[in-house]
């Protein structure tokens, strides 16, 4: 079934959304840009991301490092 869906998507000319790279809170990373990439990812696969809680959990799972770990834990 997944292969059939992939074929249909490929034939439609639509490209699947690329997942945002993990956010590591380095000086060379811009959190606003990363959040926009997440938002774009959620919009392109809107059927998969129906609730805000699902989107928040996904984004928290893509965050790495000590600075963001405390935030993810408290959520």
C-alpha atoms as a PDB file:
ATOM      1  CA  UNK A   1       0.000   0.000   0.000  1.00  0.00           C
ATOM      2  CA  UNK A   2       2.799   2.438   0.908  1.00  0.00           C
ATOM      3  CA  UNK A   3       4.489   1.765  -2.415  1.00  0.00           C
ATOM      4  CA  UNK A   4       1.259   2.536  -4.279  1.00  0.00           C
ATOM      5  CA  UNK A   5       0.906   5.816  -2.407  1.00  0.00           C
ATOM      6  CA  UNK A   6       4.510   6.690  -3.252  1.00  0.00           C
ATOM      7  CA  UNK A   7       3.853   6.025  -6.937  1.00  0.00           C
ATOM      8  CA  UNK A   8       0.745   8.217  -6.919  1.00  0.00           C
ATOM      9  CA  UNK A   9       2.636  11.048  -5.221  1.00  0.00           C
ATOM     10  CA  UNK A  10       5.541  10.712  -7.675  1.00  0.00           C
ATOM     11  CA  UNK A  11       3.168  10.813 -10.641  1.00  0.00           C
ATOM     12  CA  UNK A  12       1.320  13.857  -9.276  1.00  0.00           C
ATOM     13  CA  UNK A  13       4.472  15.962  -9.435  1.00  0.00           C
ATOM     14  CA  UNK A  14       4.279  16.774  -5.729  1.00  0.00           C
ATOM     15  CA  UNK A  15       7.385  16.290  -3.699  1.00  0.00           C
ATOM     16  CA  UNK A  16       7.153  14.962  -0.174  1.00  0.00           C
ATOM     17  CA  UNK A  17       8.094  17.445   2.506  1.00  0.00           C
ATOM     18  CA  UNK A  18      11.608  17.221   3.887  1.00  0.00           C
ATOM     19  CA  UNK A  19      11.783  16.967   7.651  1.00  0.00           C
ATOM     20  CA  UNK A  20      13.624  19.855   9.308  1.00  0.00           C
ATOM     21  CA  UNK A  21      17.116  19.088  10.529  1.00  0.00           C
ATOM     22  CA  UNK A  22      17.468  18.677  14.297  1.00  0.00           C
ATOM     23  CA  UNK A  23      17.791  21.918  16.235  1.00  0.00           C
ATOM     24  CA  UNK A  24      20.877  21.877  18.472  1.00  0.00           C
ATOM     25  CA  UNK A  25      20.800  25.503  19.707  1.00  0.00           C
ATOM     26  CA  UNK A  26      24.186  26.354  18.228  1.00  0.00           C
ATOM     27  CA  UNK A  27      25.218  29.923  17.471  1.00  0.00           C
ATOM     28  CA  UNK A  28      24.999  29.261  13.721  1.00  0.00           C
ATOM     29  CA  UNK A  29      21.364  28.109  13.978  1.00  0.00           C
ATOM     30  CA  UNK A  30      18.432  30.504  13.855  1.00  0.00           C
ATOM     31  CA  UNK A  31      15.472  29.250  15.898  1.00  0.00           C
ATOM     32  CA  UNK A  32      12.990  31.400  13.950  1.00  0.00           C
ATOM     33  CA  UNK A  33      14.130  29.899  10.648  1.00  0.00           C
ATOM     34  CA  UNK A  34      13.967  26.404  12.128  1.00  0.00           C
ATOM     35  CA  UNK A  35      10.411  27.016  13.361  1.00  0.00           C
ATOM     36  CA  UNK A  36       9.409  28.216   9.882  1.00  0.00           C
ATOM     37  CA  UNK A  37      10.871  25.017   8.423  1.00  0.00           C
ATOM     38  CA  UNK A  38       8.829  22.981  10.918  1.00  0.00           C
ATOM     39  CA  UNK A  39       5.695  24.946  10.050  1.00  0.00           C
ATOM     40  CA  UNK A  40       6.265  24.349   6.334  1.00  0.00           C
ATOM     41  CA  UNK A  41       6.783  20.640   7.009  1.00  0.00           C
ATOM     42  CA  UNK A  42       3.519  20.432   8.954  1.00  0.00           C
ATOM     43  CA  UNK A  43       1.568  22.300   6.266  1.00  0.00           C
ATOM     44  CA  UNK A  44       2.850  20.077   3.455  1.00  0.00           C
ATOM     45  CA  UNK A  45       1.780  16.937   5.348  1.00  0.00           C
ATOM     46  CA  UNK A  46      -1.303  18.436   6.978  1.00  0.00           C
ATOM     47  CA  UNK A  47      -3.216  15.138   7.109  1.00  0.00           C
ATOM     48  CA  UNK A  48      -0.524  13.677   9.340  1.00  0.00           C
ATOM     49  CA  UNK A  49      -0.385  16.639  11.739  1.00  0.00           C
ATOM     50  CA  UNK A  50      -3.946  17.289  12.861  1.00  0.00           C
ATOM     51  CA  UNK A  51      -3.386  18.553  16.406  1.00  0.00           C
ATOM     52  CA  UNK A  52      -1.086  21.165  17.885  1.00  0.00           C
ATOM     53  CA  UNK A  53       0.053  18.643  20.488  1.00  0.00           C
ATOM     54  CA  UNK A  54       1.333  16.302  17.766  1.00  0.00           C
ATOM     55  CA  UNK A  55       3.254  19.138  16.117  1.00  0.00           C
ATOM     56  CA  UNK A  56       4.760  20.272  19.437  1.00  0.00           C
ATOM     57  CA  UNK A  57       5.813  16.742  20.374  1.00  0.00           C
ATOM     58  CA  UNK A  58       7.431  16.244  16.981  1.00  0.00           C
ATOM     59  CA  UNK A  59       9.330  19.542  17.183  1.00  0.00           C
ATOM     60  CA  UNK A  60      10.509  18.783  20.723  1.00  0.00           C
ATOM     61  CA  UNK A  61      11.728  15.416  19.509  1.00  0.00           C
ATOM     62  CA  UNK A  62      13.829  17.183  16.851  1.00  0.00           C
ATOM     63  CA  UNK A  63      15.576  19.372  19.449  1.00  0.00           C
ATOM     64  CA  UNK A  64      18.912  18.283  20.862  1.00  0.00           C
ATOM     65  CA  UNK A  65      21.338  19.551  23.462  1.00  0.00           C
ATOM     66  CA  UNK A  66      21.311  20.529  27.097  1.00  0.00           C
ATOM     67  CA  UNK A  67      19.646  23.908  26.571  1.00  0.00           C
ATOM     68  CA  UNK A  68      16.569  22.452  24.924  1.00  0.00           C
ATOM     69  CA  UNK A  69      16.360  19.245  26.976  1.00  0.00           C
ATOM     70  CA  UNK A  70      14.992  21.067  30.017  1.00  0.00           C
ATOM     71  CA  UNK A  71      12.249  22.677  27.915  1.00  0.00           C
ATOM     72  CA  UNK A  72      11.282  19.334  26.376  1.00  0.00           C
ATOM     73  CA  UNK A  73      11.195  17.705  29.809  1.00  0.00           C
ATOM     74  CA  UNK A  74       8.895  20.346  31.281  1.00  0.00           C
ATOM     75  CA  UNK A  75       6.463  20.098  28.385  1.00  0.00           C
END
